[in-house]
Amino acid sequence: MASLLDSENSNPVSLVDLPIGASARIAEIRGGRKLARRLLSLGLRVGSEIAILHHRGRGVVLSTGDTRVALGGGIVEKLMVESLGSDGANADQRGGQPLNR
């Protein structure tokens, strides 16, 4: 069975399915023009690379570059992503940040 984080898996999955510490690229926004504009104002567009920092209920806190963004569950379900791998092995599960060792 293939993992969601398998680098050979190019099929987009919902952002909600990725674990803390995972890195991904936004492949598709399954929403209207208004949602796409709203996400663009937050620095998120198709092709943006993101990292999952926290899960908050159905919502997610993610980072893109130096920016952190909190998205609610309704928006998260509409973002389809392609996994780039995971830093989860080196992440602090409370915050998803790499540990300094």
C-alpha atoms as a PDB file:
ATOM      1  CA  MET A   1       0.000   0.000   0.000  1.00  0.00           C
ATOM      2  CA  ALA A   2       1.456   3.386  -0.984  1.00  0.00           C
ATOM      3  CA  SER A   3       1.937   6.036   1.669  1.00  0.00           C
ATOM      4  CA  LEU A   4       0.475   9.533   1.302  1.00  0.00           C
ATOM      5  CA  LEU A   5       4.044  10.761   1.547  1.00  0.00           C
ATOM      6  CA  ASP A   6       5.441   8.435  -1.128  1.00  0.00           C
ATOM      7  CA  SER A   7       7.460  10.595  -3.528  1.00  0.00           C
ATOM      8  CA  GLU A   8       6.247   8.526  -6.487  1.00  0.00           C
ATOM      9  CA  ASN A   9       2.626   9.349  -5.611  1.00  0.00           C
ATOM     10  CA  SER A  10       1.781  12.240  -7.950  1.00  0.00           C
ATOM     11  CA  ASN A  11      -1.974  11.928  -7.417  1.00  0.00           C
ATOM     12  CA  PRO A  12      -3.226  14.973  -5.525  1.00  0.00           C
ATOM     13  CA  VAL A  13      -4.719  14.371  -2.086  1.00  0.00           C
ATOM     14  CA  SER A  14      -6.692  16.666   0.173  1.00  0.00           C
ATOM     15  CA  LEU A  15      -4.608  18.897   2.424  1.00  0.00           C
ATOM     16  CA  VAL A  16      -6.538  17.558   5.412  1.00  0.00           C
ATOM     17  CA  ASP A  17      -4.973  14.105   4.843  1.00  0.00           C
ATOM     18  CA  LEU A  18      -1.364  15.226   5.390  1.00  0.00           C
ATOM     19  CA  PRO A  19       0.303  14.750   8.795  1.00  0.00           C
ATOM     20  CA  ILE A  20       2.177  17.357  10.816  1.00  0.00           C
ATOM     21  CA  GLY A  21       5.617  17.962   9.334  1.00  0.00           C
ATOM     22  CA  ALA A  22       4.628  17.026   5.774  1.00  0.00           C
ATOM     23  CA  SER A  23       5.678  19.215   2.864  1.00  0.00           C
ATOM     24  CA  ALA A  24       3.509  19.579  -0.220  1.00  0.00           C
ATOM     25  CA  ARG A  25       2.793  21.684  -3.300  1.00  0.00           C
ATOM     26  CA  ILE A  26      -0.704  23.020  -3.983  1.00  0.00           C
ATOM     27  CA  ALA A  27      -1.919  21.233  -7.109  1.00  0.00           C
ATOM     28  CA  GLU A  28      -5.529  22.397  -7.346  1.00  0.00           C
ATOM     29  CA  ILE A  29      -8.003  24.712  -5.644  1.00  0.00           C
ATOM     30  CA  ARG A  30     -11.472  23.175  -5.789  1.00  0.00           C
ATOM     31  CA  GLY A  31     -13.368  26.351  -5.205  1.00  0.00           C
ATOM     32  CA  GLY A  32     -14.552  29.403  -7.028  1.00  0.00           C
ATOM     33  CA  ARG A  33     -12.788  32.548  -8.071  1.00  0.00           C
ATOM     34  CA  LYS A  34     -13.521  34.175  -4.711  1.00  0.00           C
ATOM     35  CA  LEU A  35     -11.700  31.422  -2.803  1.00  0.00           C
ATOM     36  CA  ALA A  36      -8.738  31.537  -5.204  1.00  0.00           C
ATOM     37  CA  ARG A  37      -8.449  35.312  -4.687  1.00  0.00           C
ATOM     38  CA  ARG A  38      -8.701  34.961  -0.924  1.00  0.00           C
ATOM     39  CA  LEU A  39      -5.935  32.351  -0.869  1.00  0.00           C
ATOM     40  CA  LEU A  40      -3.791  34.461  -3.196  1.00  0.00           C
ATOM     41  CA  SER A  41      -4.074  37.355  -0.735  1.00  0.00           C
ATOM     42  CA  LEU A  42      -2.639  34.973   1.898  1.00  0.00           C
ATOM     43  CA  GLY A  43       0.248  34.030  -0.383  1.00  0.00           C
ATOM     44  CA  LEU A  44      -1.207  30.673  -1.458  1.00  0.00           C
ATOM     45  CA  ARG A  45      -1.720  29.696  -5.092  1.00  0.00           C
ATOM     46  CA  VAL A  46      -1.390  26.639  -7.291  1.00  0.00           C
ATOM     47  CA  GLY A  47       2.304  25.745  -7.213  1.00  0.00           C
ATOM     48  CA  SER A  48       2.964  27.143  -3.717  1.00  0.00           C
ATOM     49  CA  GLU A  49       5.076  24.896  -1.494  1.00  0.00           C
ATOM     50  CA  ILE A  50       3.686  24.488   2.009  1.00  0.00           C
ATOM     51  CA  ALA A  51       4.496  22.651   5.242  1.00  0.00           C
ATOM     52  CA  ILE A  52       1.933  21.440   7.795  1.00  0.00           C
ATOM     53  CA  LEU A  53       2.617  22.895  11.262  1.00  0.00           C
ATOM     54  CA  HIS A  54      -0.535  22.066  13.289  1.00  0.00           C
ATOM     55  CA  HIS A  55      -3.932  20.440  12.966  1.00  0.00           C
ATOM     56  CA  ARG A  56      -6.710  22.323  14.752  1.00  0.00           C
ATOM     57  CA  GLY A  57      -9.853  20.242  14.540  1.00  0.00           C
ATOM     58  CA  ARG A  58     -10.612  20.142  10.814  1.00  0.00           C
ATOM     59  CA  GLY A  59      -8.441  23.205  10.227  1.00  0.00           C
ATOM     60  CA  VAL A  60      -4.712  23.419   9.591  1.00  0.00           C
ATOM     61  CA  VAL A  61      -1.897  25.835  10.368  1.00  0.00           C
ATOM     62  CA  LEU A  62       0.638  25.776   7.561  1.00  0.00           C
ATOM     63  CA  SER A  63       3.670  27.712   6.472  1.00  0.00           C
ATOM     64  CA  THR A  64       4.693  28.975   3.091  1.00  0.00           C
ATOM     65  CA  GLY A  65       8.072  30.651   3.047  1.00  0.00           C
ATOM     66  CA  ASP A  66       8.310  32.755   6.214  1.00  0.00           C
ATOM     67  CA  THR A  67       4.519  33.109   6.526  1.00  0.00           C
ATOM     68  CA  ARG A  68       2.200  31.068   8.735  1.00  0.00           C
ATOM     69  CA  VAL A  69      -1.439  30.749   7.704  1.00  0.00           C
ATOM     70  CA  ALA A  70      -4.385  29.223   9.586  1.00  0.00           C
ATOM     71  CA  LEU A  71      -7.097  27.747   7.356  1.00  0.00           C
ATOM     72  CA  GLY A  72     -10.485  26.402   8.416  1.00  0.00           C
ATOM     73  CA  GLY A  73     -11.713  22.930   7.571  1.00  0.00           C
ATOM     74  CA  GLY A  74     -13.982  24.083   4.743  1.00  0.00           C
ATOM     75  CA  ILE A  75     -11.066  25.641   2.882  1.00  0.00           C
ATOM     76  CA  VAL A  76      -8.628  22.839   3.717  1.00  0.00           C
ATOM     77  CA  GLU A  77     -10.942  20.266   2.112  1.00  0.00           C
ATOM     78  CA  LYS A  78     -10.871  22.244  -1.158  1.00  0.00           C
ATOM     79  CA  LEU A  79      -7.076  22.316  -1.444  1.00  0.00           C
ATOM     80  CA  MET A  80      -5.570  19.385  -3.303  1.00  0.00           C
ATOM     81  CA  VAL A  81      -1.834  18.920  -2.850  1.00  0.00           C
ATOM     82  CA  GLU A  82       1.023  16.771  -4.119  1.00  0.00           C
ATOM     83  CA  SER A  83       3.300  15.544  -1.350  1.00  0.00           C
ATOM     84  CA  LEU A  84       6.954  16.581  -1.450  1.00  0.00           C
ATOM     85  CA  GLY A  85       7.997  14.377   1.457  1.00  0.00           C
ATOM     86  CA  SER A  86       8.095  14.808   5.201  1.00  0.00           C
ATOM     87  CA  ASP A  87      10.288  16.373   7.811  1.00  0.00           C
ATOM     88  CA  GLY A  88       8.153  14.575  10.372  1.00  0.00           C
ATOM     89  CA  ALA A  89      11.064  12.446  11.618  1.00  0.00           C
ATOM     90  CA  ASN A  90      12.796  15.625  12.822  1.00  0.00           C
ATOM     91  CA  ALA A  91       9.689  17.559  13.860  1.00  0.00           C
ATOM     92  CA  ASP A  92       8.433  18.384  17.315  1.00  0.00           C
ATOM     93  CA  GLN A  93       4.868  17.008  17.284  1.00  0.00           C
ATOM     94  CA  ARG A  94       3.613  19.940  19.382  1.00  0.00           C
ATOM     95  CA  GLY A  95       4.565  22.469  16.756  1.00  0.00           C
ATOM     96  CA  GLY A  96       5.834  20.674  13.694  1.00  0.00           C
ATOM     97  CA  GLN A  97       9.091  22.645  13.777  1.00  0.00           C
ATOM     98  CA  PRO A  98      12.383  20.819  13.234  1.00  0.00           C
ATOM     99  CA  LEU A  99      14.218  20.150  16.462  1.00  0.00           C
ATOM    100  CA  ASN A 100      17.645  21.702  16.891  1.00  0.00           C
ATOM    101  CA  ARG A 101      19.893  18.811  17.857  1.00  0.00           C
END
